[in-house]
C-alpha atoms as a PDB file:
ATOM      1  CA  MET A   1       0.000   0.000   0.000  1.00  0.00           C
ATOM      2  CA  TYR A   2       1.177   3.496  -0.752  1.00  0.00           C
ATOM      3  CA  SER A   3       0.573   6.790   1.002  1.00  0.00           C
ATOM      4  CA  LEU A   4      -0.683  10.169  -0.149  1.00  0.00           C
ATOM      5  CA  ASP A   5       2.745  11.638   0.648  1.00  0.00           C
ATOM      6  CA  GLN A   6       4.296   9.118  -1.739  1.00  0.00           C
ATOM      7  CA  LEU A   7       1.783  10.088  -4.433  1.00  0.00           C
ATOM      8  CA  ARG A   8       2.525  13.786  -3.933  1.00  0.00           C
ATOM      9  CA  GLY A   9       6.229  13.081  -4.163  1.00  0.00           C
ATOM     10  CA  PHE A  10       5.750  11.069  -7.346  1.00  0.00           C
ATOM     11  CA  VAL A  11       3.636  13.823  -8.970  1.00  0.00           C
ATOM     12  CA  ALA A  12       6.216  16.482  -8.081  1.00  0.00           C
ATOM     13  CA  VAL A  13       9.061  14.469  -9.625  1.00  0.00           C
ATOM     14  CA  ALA A  14       6.918  13.579 -12.664  1.00  0.00           C
ATOM     15  CA  GLU A  15       6.119  17.236 -13.303  1.00  0.00           C
ATOM     16  CA  GLU A  16       9.597  18.596 -12.583  1.00  0.00           C
ATOM     17  CA  LEU A  17      11.543  15.624 -13.994  1.00  0.00           C
ATOM     18  CA  HIS A  18      14.213  16.558 -11.475  1.00  0.00           C
ATOM     19  CA  PHE A  19      14.537  15.246  -7.920  1.00  0.00           C
ATOM     20  CA  GLY A  20      16.190  18.382  -6.590  1.00  0.00           C
ATOM     21  CA  ARG A  21      13.529  20.769  -7.896  1.00  0.00           C
ATOM     22  CA  ALA A  22      10.745  18.419  -6.794  1.00  0.00           C
ATOM     23  CA  ALA A  23      12.218  18.216  -3.281  1.00  0.00           C
ATOM     24  CA  ALA A  24      12.439  22.014  -3.064  1.00  0.00           C
ATOM     25  CA  ARG A  25       8.830  22.293  -4.229  1.00  0.00           C
ATOM     26  CA  LEU A  26       7.791  19.948  -1.423  1.00  0.00           C
ATOM     27  CA  ASN A  27       9.943  21.735   1.182  1.00  0.00           C
ATOM     28  CA  MET A  28      12.040  18.637   1.835  1.00  0.00           C
ATOM     29  CA  THR A  29      15.488  17.352   1.003  1.00  0.00           C
ATOM     30  CA  GLN A  30      16.231  15.027  -1.892  1.00  0.00           C
ATOM     31  CA  PRO A  31      17.184  11.780  -0.019  1.00  0.00           C
ATOM     32  CA  PRO A  32      13.777  11.341   1.726  1.00  0.00           C
ATOM     33  CA  LEU A  33      12.016  12.078  -1.569  1.00  0.00           C
ATOM     34  CA  SER A  34      14.092   9.427  -3.343  1.00  0.00           C
ATOM     35  CA  ARG A  35      13.181   6.912  -0.642  1.00  0.00           C
ATOM     36  CA  GLN A  36       9.471   7.785  -1.029  1.00  0.00           C
ATOM     37  CA  ILE A  37       9.642   7.066  -4.758  1.00  0.00           C
ATOM     38  CA  GLN A  38      11.483   3.789  -4.172  1.00  0.00           C
ATOM     39  CA  LYS A  39       8.855   2.673  -1.641  1.00  0.00           C
ATOM     40  CA  LEU A  40       6.073   3.648  -4.056  1.00  0.00           C
ATOM     41  CA  GLU A  41       7.653   1.671  -6.894  1.00  0.00           C
ATOM     42  CA  LYS A  42       8.052  -1.326  -4.596  1.00  0.00           C
ATOM     43  CA  ALA A  43       4.426  -1.053  -3.432  1.00  0.00           C
ATOM     44  CA  ILE A  44       2.988  -1.073  -6.954  1.00  0.00           C
ATOM     45  CA  GLY A  45       5.611  -3.386  -8.420  1.00  0.00           C
ATOM     46  CA  VAL A  46       6.800  -1.300 -11.397  1.00  0.00           C
ATOM     47  CA  LEU A  47       9.472   1.288 -12.172  1.00  0.00           C
ATOM     48  CA  LEU A  48       7.957   4.712 -12.578  1.00  0.00           C
ATOM     49  CA  PHE A  49      11.105   6.563 -13.654  1.00  0.00           C
ATOM     50  CA  ASP A  50      14.122   5.892 -15.823  1.00  0.00           C
ATOM     51  CA  ARG A  51      17.120   7.371 -14.054  1.00  0.00           C
ATOM     52  CA  ASP A  52      20.550   7.922 -15.614  1.00  0.00           C
ATOM     53  CA  ASN A  53      23.301  10.516 -15.637  1.00  0.00           C
ATOM     54  CA  ARG A  54      21.341  12.649 -18.089  1.00  0.00           C
ATOM     55  CA  GLY A  55      18.318  13.030 -15.819  1.00  0.00           C
ATOM     56  CA  VAL A  56      14.956  11.538 -15.017  1.00  0.00           C
ATOM     57  CA  ALA A  57      12.161  10.438 -17.371  1.00  0.00           C
ATOM     58  CA  LEU A  58       8.812   8.764 -16.826  1.00  0.00           C
ATOM     59  CA  THR A  59       8.484   5.163 -17.909  1.00  0.00           C
ATOM     60  CA  ALA A  60       5.391   4.113 -19.844  1.00  0.00           C
ATOM     61  CA  ALA A  61       3.977   2.756 -16.582  1.00  0.00           C
ATOM     62  CA  GLY A  62       4.835   6.016 -14.849  1.00  0.00           C
ATOM     63  CA  THR A  63       2.989   8.049 -17.479  1.00  0.00           C
ATOM     64  CA  ALA A  64      -0.124   5.916 -17.059  1.00  0.00           C
ATOM     65  CA  PHE A  65       0.117   6.052 -13.272  1.00  0.00           C
ATOM     66  CA  LEU A  66       0.461   9.847 -13.260  1.00  0.00           C
ATOM     67  CA  ALA A  67      -3.072  10.407 -14.553  1.00  0.00           C
ATOM     68  CA  ASP A  68      -4.567   8.213 -11.827  1.00  0.00           C
ATOM     69  CA  ALA A  69      -2.309   9.695  -9.156  1.00  0.00           C
ATOM     70  CA  LEU A  70      -3.568  13.190 -10.000  1.00  0.00           C
ATOM     71  CA  LYS A  71      -7.182  12.006  -9.723  1.00  0.00           C
ATOM     72  CA  LEU A  72      -6.524  10.315  -6.388  1.00  0.00           C
ATOM     73  CA  LEU A  73      -4.900  13.433  -4.966  1.00  0.00           C
ATOM     74  CA  GLU A  74      -7.749  15.611  -6.246  1.00  0.00           C
ATOM     75  CA  LEU A  75     -10.275  13.347  -4.523  1.00  0.00           C
ATOM     76  CA  ALA A  76      -8.218  13.258  -1.343  1.00  0.00           C
ATOM     77  CA  ASP A  77      -7.954  17.040  -1.263  1.00  0.00           C
ATOM     78  CA  ALA A  78     -11.676  17.474  -1.923  1.00  0.00           C
ATOM     79  CA  ALA A  79     -12.873  14.848   0.578  1.00  0.00           C
ATOM     80  CA  PRO A  80     -12.522  16.941   3.779  1.00  0.00           C
ATOM     81  CA  SER A  81     -14.363  19.858   2.224  1.00  0.00           C
ATOM     82  CA  LEU A  82     -17.123  17.551   0.988  1.00  0.00           C
ATOM     83  CA  ALA A  83     -17.406  15.940   4.412  1.00  0.00           C
ATOM     84  CA  ARG A  84     -17.712  19.364   6.044  1.00  0.00           C
ATOM     85  CA  ARG A  85     -20.371  20.449   3.546  1.00  0.00           C
ATOM     86  CA  ILE A  86     -22.332  17.235   4.061  1.00  0.00           C
ATOM     87  CA  SER A  87     -22.108  17.687   7.828  1.00  0.00           C
ATOM     88  CA  ALA A  88     -23.384  21.244   7.427  1.00  0.00           C
ATOM     89  CA  GLY A  89     -26.115  20.080   5.049  1.00  0.00           C
ATOM     90  CA  SER A  90     -24.946  22.112   2.047  1.00  0.00           C
ATOM     91  CA  ALA A  91     -24.095  18.906   0.167  1.00  0.00           C
ATOM     92  CA  GLY A  92     -25.493  15.405   0.210  1.00  0.00           C
ATOM     93  CA  ALA A  93     -28.754  13.877  -0.964  1.00  0.00           C
ATOM     94  CA  VAL A  94     -32.422  14.161  -0.048  1.00  0.00           C
ATOM     95  CA  ARG A  95     -34.992  11.640  -1.282  1.00  0.00           C
ATOM     96  CA  ILE A  96     -38.402  13.266  -1.703  1.00  0.00           C
ATOM     97  CA  GLY A  97     -41.688  11.428  -2.038  1.00  0.00           C
ATOM     98  CA  PHE A  98     -44.509  13.341  -3.681  1.00  0.00           C
ATOM     99  CA  THR A  99     -48.104  12.879  -4.708  1.00  0.00           C
ATOM    100  CA  ALA A 100     -48.939  13.176  -8.395  1.00  0.00           C
ATOM    101  CA  ALA A 101     -51.242  16.146  -7.733  1.00  0.00           C
ATOM    102  CA  SER A 102     -48.425  18.110  -6.072  1.00  0.00           C
ATOM    103  CA  THR A 103     -46.673  18.320  -9.450  1.00  0.00           C
ATOM    104  CA  PHE A 104     -49.458  20.488 -10.872  1.00  0.00           C
ATOM    105  CA  GLY A 105     -48.510  23.642  -9.054  1.00  0.00           C
ATOM    106  CA  LEU A 106     -46.020  23.400  -6.200  1.00  0.00           C
ATOM    107  CA  LEU A 107     -43.356  20.777  -6.852  1.00  0.00           C
ATOM    108  CA  GLY A 108     -41.540  22.568  -9.671  1.00  0.00           C
ATOM    109  CA  ALA A 109     -41.299  25.822  -7.729  1.00  0.00           C
ATOM    110  CA  LEU A 110     -39.974  23.995  -4.654  1.00  0.00           C
ATOM    111  CA  LEU A 111     -37.312  22.171  -6.655  1.00  0.00           C
ATOM    112  CA  ASN A 112     -36.174  25.402  -8.293  1.00  0.00           C
ATOM    113  CA  GLU A 113     -35.872  27.036  -4.884  1.00  0.00           C
ATOM    114  CA  ILE A 114     -33.924  24.101  -3.439  1.00  0.00           C
ATOM    115  CA  SER A 115     -31.560  23.992  -6.432  1.00  0.00           C
ATOM    116  CA  ALA A 116     -30.884  27.722  -6.200  1.00  0.00           C
ATOM    117  CA  ALA A 117     -30.176  27.603  -2.456  1.00  0.00           C
ATOM    118  CA  LEU A 118     -28.400  24.218  -2.343  1.00  0.00           C
ATOM    119  CA  PRO A 119     -26.824  23.415  -5.721  1.00  0.00           C
ATOM    120  CA  ASP A 120     -24.686  20.596  -4.258  1.00  0.00           C
ATOM    121  CA  VAL A 121     -27.622  18.705  -2.735  1.00  0.00           C
ATOM    122  CA  ASP A 122     -28.874  15.903  -4.961  1.00  0.00           C
ATOM    123  CA  ILE A 123     -32.664  15.512  -5.030  1.00  0.00           C
ATOM    124  CA  ASP A 124     -34.082  12.048  -5.707  1.00  0.00           C
ATOM    125  CA  LEU A 125     -37.797  12.206  -6.587  1.00  0.00           C
ATOM    126  CA  ARG A 126     -40.172   9.316  -5.958  1.00  0.00           C
ATOM    127  CA  GLU A 127     -43.858   9.511  -6.860  1.00  0.00           C
ATOM    128  CA  MET A 128     -46.085   7.775  -4.308  1.00  0.00           C
ATOM    129  CA  VAL A 129     -49.372   8.254  -2.517  1.00  0.00           C
ATOM    130  CA  THR A 130     -49.388   9.579   1.043  1.00  0.00           C
ATOM    131  CA  LYS A 131     -49.837   6.147   2.644  1.00  0.00           C
ATOM    132  CA  ASP A 132     -46.749   4.842   0.834  1.00  0.00           C
ATOM    133  CA  GLN A 133     -44.810   7.985   1.738  1.00  0.00           C
ATOM    134  CA  THR A 134     -45.373   7.487   5.450  1.00  0.00           C
ATOM    135  CA  SER A 135     -44.246   3.852   5.178  1.00  0.00           C
ATOM    136  CA  ALA A 136     -41.176   4.896   3.180  1.00  0.00           C
ATOM    137  CA  LEU A 137     -40.272   7.538   5.770  1.00  0.00           C
ATOM    138  CA  ILE A 138     -40.512   5.002   8.596  1.00  0.00           C
ATOM    139  CA  ASN A 139     -38.403   2.481   6.630  1.00  0.00           C
ATOM    140  CA  GLY A 140     -35.765   5.083   5.764  1.00  0.00           C
ATOM    141  CA  ASP A 141     -36.451   4.870   2.015  1.00  0.00           C
ATOM    142  CA  ILE A 142     -37.176   8.603   1.688  1.00  0.00           C
ATOM    143  CA  ASP A 143     -36.217  11.650   3.747  1.00  0.00           C
ATOM    144  CA  LEU A 144     -39.092  14.005   3.007  1.00  0.00           C
ATOM    145  CA  GLY A 145     -42.687  13.640   1.904  1.00  0.00           C
ATOM    146  CA  LEU A 146     -44.987  16.072   0.128  1.00  0.00           C
ATOM    147  CA  ALA A 147     -48.218  14.583   1.327  1.00  0.00           C
ATOM    148  CA  ARG A 148     -51.775  15.045   2.490  1.00  0.00           C
ATOM    149  CA  PRO A 149     -52.943  14.940   6.131  1.00  0.00           C
ATOM    150  CA  PRO A 150     -53.522  13.431   8.618  1.00  0.00           C
ATOM    151  CA  PHE A 151     -50.192  12.222  10.007  1.00  0.00           C
ATOM    152  CA  ASP A 152     -48.955  10.586  13.188  1.00  0.00           C
ATOM    153  CA  ASP A 153     -47.641  13.615  15.095  1.00  0.00           C
ATOM    154  CA  GLU A 154     -45.545  11.422  17.363  1.00  0.00           C
ATOM    155  CA  LEU A 155     -43.570  10.007  14.422  1.00  0.00           C
ATOM    156  CA  PHE A 156     -43.597  12.884  11.971  1.00  0.00           C
ATOM    157  CA  ASP A 157     -42.890  16.559  12.056  1.00  0.00           C
ATOM    158  CA  SER A 158     -44.752  18.516   9.390  1.00  0.00           C
ATOM    159  CA  ARG A 159     -45.162  21.920   7.836  1.00  0.00           C
ATOM    160  CA  LEU A 160     -48.140  23.219   5.887  1.00  0.00           C
ATOM    161  CA  LEU A 161     -46.859  24.216   2.464  1.00  0.00           C
ATOM    162  CA  PHE A 162     -49.937  25.082   0.494  1.00  0.00           C
ATOM    163  CA  ARG A 163     -53.692  25.525   0.658  1.00  0.00           C
ATOM    164  CA  GLU A 164     -55.950  25.736  -2.367  1.00  0.00           C
ATOM    165  CA  PRO A 165     -59.649  25.764  -3.219  1.00  0.00           C
ATOM    166  CA  ILE A 166     -61.504  22.755  -4.524  1.00  0.00           C
ATOM    167  CA  MET A 167     -62.965  23.088  -8.006  1.00  0.00           C
ATOM    168  CA  VAL A 168     -65.745  21.315  -9.833  1.00  0.00           C
ATOM    169  CA  ALA A 169     -64.476  20.167 -13.222  1.00  0.00           C
ATOM    170  CA  VAL A 170     -67.342  20.031 -15.717  1.00  0.00           C
ATOM    171  CA  PRO A 171     -67.640  19.525 -19.482  1.00  0.00           C
ATOM    172  CA  SER A 172     -67.468  22.781 -21.424  1.00  0.00           C
ATOM    173  CA  GLY A 173     -70.850  24.467 -21.663  1.00  0.00           C
ATOM    174  CA  HIS A 174     -72.261  22.618 -18.663  1.00  0.00           C
ATOM    175  CA  PRO A 175     -75.172  24.465 -16.937  1.00  0.00           C
ATOM    176  CA  LEU A 176     -73.128  24.771 -13.720  1.00  0.00           C
ATOM    177  CA  THR A 177     -70.821  27.216 -15.522  1.00  0.00           C
ATOM    178  CA  LEU A 178     -73.741  29.599 -16.068  1.00  0.00           C
ATOM    179  CA  LEU A 179     -74.563  30.223 -12.392  1.00  0.00           C
ATOM    180  CA  ASN A 180     -71.951  33.003 -12.076  1.00  0.00           C
ATOM    181  CA  ARG A 181     -71.189  32.133  -8.446  1.00  0.00           C
ATOM    182  CA  LYS A 182     -69.373  29.604  -6.343  1.00  0.00           C
ATOM    183  CA  LEU A 183     -71.095  26.258  -6.319  1.00  0.00           C
ATOM    184  CA  THR A 184     -72.587  24.482  -3.297  1.00  0.00           C
ATOM    185  CA  ALA A 185     -72.844  20.787  -2.557  1.00  0.00           C
ATOM    186  CA  GLU A 186     -76.567  21.039  -3.317  1.00  0.00           C
ATOM    187  CA  ASP A 187     -75.756  22.159  -6.852  1.00  0.00           C
ATOM    188  CA  LEU A 188     -74.170  18.771  -7.473  1.00  0.00           C
ATOM    189  CA  HIS A 189     -77.302  16.736  -6.719  1.00  0.00           C
ATOM    190  CA  GLY A 190     -78.314  14.809  -9.796  1.00  0.00           C
ATOM    191  CA  GLU A 191     -74.869  15.079 -11.374  1.00  0.00           C
ATOM    192  CA  SER A 192     -72.882  11.989 -12.323  1.00  0.00           C
ATOM    193  CA  LEU A 193     -69.806  12.241 -10.100  1.00  0.00           C
ATOM    194  CA  ILE A 194     -66.406  10.828 -11.021  1.00  0.00           C
ATOM    195  CA  MET A 195     -65.000   9.747  -7.676  1.00  0.00           C
ATOM    196  CA  HIS A 196     -61.536   9.433  -6.148  1.00  0.00           C
ATOM    197  CA  SER A 197     -60.314   5.978  -5.169  1.00  0.00           C
ATOM    198  CA  PRO A 198     -60.856   5.248  -1.447  1.00  0.00           C
ATOM    199  CA  THR A 199     -57.543   3.342  -1.338  1.00  0.00           C
ATOM    200  CA  GLN A 200     -55.189   5.137  -3.737  1.00  0.00           C
ATOM    201  CA  ALA A 201     -56.534   8.680  -3.207  1.00  0.00           C
ATOM    202  CA  ARG A 202     -57.881   8.447   0.328  1.00  0.00           C
ATOM    203  CA  TYR A 203     -57.390  12.105   1.230  1.00  0.00           C
ATOM    204  CA  PHE A 204     -59.476  13.393  -1.665  1.00  0.00           C
ATOM    205  CA  TYR A 205     -61.987  10.566  -1.239  1.00  0.00           C
ATOM    206  CA  ASP A 206     -62.611  11.524   2.400  1.00  0.00           C
ATOM    207  CA  LEU A 207     -62.767  15.231   1.530  1.00  0.00           C
ATOM    208  CA  VAL A 208     -65.294  14.716  -1.255  1.00  0.00           C
ATOM    209  CA  ILE A 209     -67.413  12.278   0.800  1.00  0.00           C
ATOM    210  CA  SER A 210     -67.604  14.869   3.598  1.00  0.00           C
ATOM    211  CA  LEU A 211     -69.070  17.332   1.088  1.00  0.00           C
ATOM    212  CA  VAL A 212     -71.426  15.052  -0.840  1.00  0.00           C
ATOM    213  CA  SER A 213     -72.197  12.315   1.677  1.00  0.00           C
ATOM    214  CA  SER A 214     -75.724  11.913   0.316  1.00  0.00           C
ATOM    215  CA  HIS A 215     -74.546  11.681  -3.278  1.00  0.00           C
ATOM    216  CA  ARG A 216     -74.811   8.166  -4.626  1.00  0.00           C
ATOM    217  CA  THR A 217     -74.329   8.619  -8.371  1.00  0.00           C
ATOM    218  CA  PHE A 218     -70.642   7.703  -8.716  1.00  0.00           C
ATOM    219  CA  VAL A 219     -70.126   6.729 -12.344  1.00  0.00           C
ATOM    220  CA  HIS A 220     -66.394   5.992 -12.111  1.00  0.00           C
ATOM    221  CA  THR A 221     -63.785   5.616  -9.363  1.00  0.00           C
ATOM    222  CA  VAL A 222     -60.176   6.377 -10.332  1.00  0.00           C
ATOM    223  CA  SER A 223     -56.932   7.155  -8.549  1.00  0.00           C
ATOM    224  CA  GLN A 224     -55.375   9.889 -10.734  1.00  0.00           C
ATOM    225  CA  ILE A 225     -56.730  13.423 -11.063  1.00  0.00           C
ATOM    226  CA  LEU A 226     -55.561  13.660 -14.666  1.00  0.00           C
ATOM    227  CA  THR A 227     -57.653  10.587 -15.496  1.00  0.00           C
ATOM    228  CA  MET A 228     -60.677  12.192 -13.830  1.00  0.00           C
ATOM    229  CA  ILE A 229     -60.307  15.308 -15.947  1.00  0.00           C
ATOM    230  CA  PHE A 230     -60.038  13.353 -19.184  1.00  0.00           C
ATOM    231  CA  LEU A 231     -63.236  11.512 -18.209  1.00  0.00           C
ATOM    232  CA  VAL A 232     -64.906  14.875 -17.617  1.00  0.00           C
ATOM    233  CA  ALA A 233     -63.745  16.008 -21.059  1.00  0.00           C
ATOM    234  CA  ALA A 234     -65.349  12.876 -22.502  1.00  0.00           C
ATOM    235  CA  GLY A 235     -68.671  13.867 -20.924  1.00  0.00           C
ATOM    236  CA  ARG A 236     -68.702  11.043 -18.393  1.00  0.00           C
ATOM    237  CA  GLY A 237     -69.564  13.288 -15.455  1.00  0.00           C
ATOM    238  CA  VAL A 238     -68.187  15.995 -13.164  1.00  0.00           C
ATOM    239  CA  ALA A 239     -65.321  15.776 -10.661  1.00  0.00           C
ATOM    240  CA  LEU A 240     -64.047  17.601  -7.591  1.00  0.00           C
ATOM    241  CA  VAL A 241     -60.357  18.438  -8.025  1.00  0.00           C
ATOM    242  CA  PRO A 242     -57.792  20.818  -6.491  1.00  0.00           C
ATOM    243  CA  GLN A 243     -57.464  24.224  -8.138  1.00  0.00           C
ATOM    244  CA  SER A 244     -53.895  23.416  -9.228  1.00  0.00           C
ATOM    245  CA  ALA A 245     -55.336  20.834 -11.646  1.00  0.00           C
ATOM    246  CA  THR A 246     -56.632  23.692 -13.790  1.00  0.00           C
ATOM    247  CA  VAL A 247     -53.102  24.221 -15.144  1.00  0.00           C
ATOM    248  CA  LEU A 248     -53.361  20.918 -17.017  1.00  0.00           C
ATOM    249  CA  GLY A 249     -55.280  22.679 -19.770  1.00  0.00           C
ATOM    250  CA  VAL A 250     -57.343  19.693 -20.915  1.00  0.00           C
ATOM    251  CA  GLU A 251     -59.568  20.788 -23.773  1.00  0.00           C
ATOM    252  CA  GLY A 252     -63.300  20.474 -23.222  1.00  0.00           C
ATOM    253  CA  VAL A 253     -63.208  21.062 -19.458  1.00  0.00           C
ATOM    254  CA  GLU A 254     -64.239  24.110 -17.443  1.00  0.00           C
ATOM    255  CA  TYR A 255     -63.834  24.720 -13.712  1.00  0.00           C
ATOM    256  CA  VAL A 256     -66.114  26.344 -11.148  1.00  0.00           C
ATOM    257  CA  GLU A 257     -65.015  26.887  -7.552  1.00  0.00           C
ATOM    258  CA  LEU A 258     -66.873  25.029  -4.826  1.00  0.00           C
ATOM    259  CA  GLY A 259     -67.686  27.421  -1.987  1.00  0.00           C
ATOM    260  CA  GLY A 260     -68.781  27.157   1.624  1.00  0.00           C
ATOM    261  CA  PHE A 261     -65.349  26.930   3.289  1.00  0.00           C
ATOM    262  CA  GLU A 262     -63.804  29.228   5.901  1.00  0.00           C
ATOM    263  CA  VAL A 263     -60.345  28.432   4.511  1.00  0.00           C
ATOM    264  CA  ASP A 264     -59.235  26.721   1.311  1.00  0.00           C
ATOM    265  CA  PRO A 265     -59.792  23.036   2.102  1.00  0.00           C
ATOM    266  CA  VAL A 266     -57.072  21.242   0.091  1.00  0.00           C
ATOM    267  CA  GLU A 267     -53.787  21.010   2.023  1.00  0.00           C
ATOM    268  CA  LEU A 268     -50.293  19.862   1.104  1.00  0.00           C
ATOM    269  CA  HIS A 269     -47.702  19.323   3.844  1.00  0.00           C
ATOM    270  CA  ALA A 270     -44.011  18.593   4.047  1.00  0.00           C
ATOM    271  CA  ILE A 271     -43.523  15.671   6.455  1.00  0.00           C
ATOM    272  CA  TRP A 272     -40.380  14.055   7.826  1.00  0.00           C
ATOM    273  CA  MET A 273     -39.305  11.786  10.654  1.00  0.00           C
ATOM    274  CA  ARG A 274     -38.810  13.658  13.903  1.00  0.00           C
ATOM    275  CA  ASN A 275     -35.573  11.735  14.527  1.00  0.00           C
ATOM    276  CA  SER A 276     -34.062  12.352  11.068  1.00  0.00           C
ATOM    277  CA  ARG A 277     -30.302  12.962  11.205  1.00  0.00           C
ATOM    278  CA  ASN A 278     -29.761  13.935   7.560  1.00  0.00           C
ATOM    279  CA  PRO A 279     -28.212  17.443   7.673  1.00  0.00           C
ATOM    280  CA  ALA A 280     -29.148  18.102   4.042  1.00  0.00           C
ATOM    281  CA  LEU A 281     -32.815  17.507   4.878  1.00  0.00           C
ATOM    282  CA  HIS A 282     -32.821  20.331   7.399  1.00  0.00           C
ATOM    283  CA  ARG A 283     -31.172  22.686   4.897  1.00  0.00           C
ATOM    284  CA  VAL A 284     -33.838  21.714   2.351  1.00  0.00           C
ATOM    285  CA  LEU A 285     -36.526  22.469   4.923  1.00  0.00           C
ATOM    286  CA  GLU A 286     -34.995  25.901   5.436  1.00  0.00           C
ATOM    287  CA  ALA A 287     -35.121  26.484   1.693  1.00  0.00           C
ATOM    288  CA  ILE A 288     -38.753  25.350   1.564  1.00  0.00           C
ATOM    289  CA  ASN A 289     -39.589  27.644   4.463  1.00  0.00           C
ATOM    290  CA  ASP A 290     -37.955  30.584   2.683  1.00  0.00           C
ATOM    291  CA  GLN A 291     -39.931  29.732  -0.450  1.00  0.00           C
ATOM    292  CA  GLY A 292     -43.125  29.698   1.520  1.00  0.00           C
ATOM    293  CA  ASP A 293     -42.334  33.115   2.962  1.00  0.00           C
END
């Protein structure tokens, strides 16, 4: 095995092609430098230099070894700085789970903010529903979730990122678009409702059921909001979706806000394990907090 000092000695001699100048460059005398090179050659089992009365020259093996030696020294010099940045959270990796609906309005802005504030933090995105996010957080498969409530407050810390209204997506020209006001749950009686999946979209399912508990005309049950909107465009019924879904721009669909709420009812939270020890996660949370401000 060879040492970093031996590599530095080898690089100095290789670049100077003179033991005396290389020793001066390293602030040492020539005999210890010569011994370093001899030990290095013995460790790797090849001659790195041709030495004669005319001077010093790299062997073919020495030329090949020089490129790798420079890389090794560059990595060795960078490693302490990287370790310090990872410890401080300014470098590293954060694995983020997100719901499909969060991509409509918030996710892109958050990622841009994180990248601007923490360019050396790698973000690994994983699309999953809230239930799978909480399991992944507990198992250590992700560091941060962008998810819907409720959460186990004993396990998870959380931060409200975003609130938005709930909209009724209807086929273009539908009579509900002519009311010129926010809709009520009563306005939806008699409408064919495209429903959220109770297993794959539980948050929206529970929210919609709380609004239209007496409604029994569910023509379809699907898990993805985009699918719901395409079904609306096809005239299959109406659907309750978050306002951010309006950016999808599906032709043949109009949106009318559903009223009757003291605050916008659709919530998105950042959630993470209370005992997380990933420094980069906490820097990301700072960036998210700044974005929210």
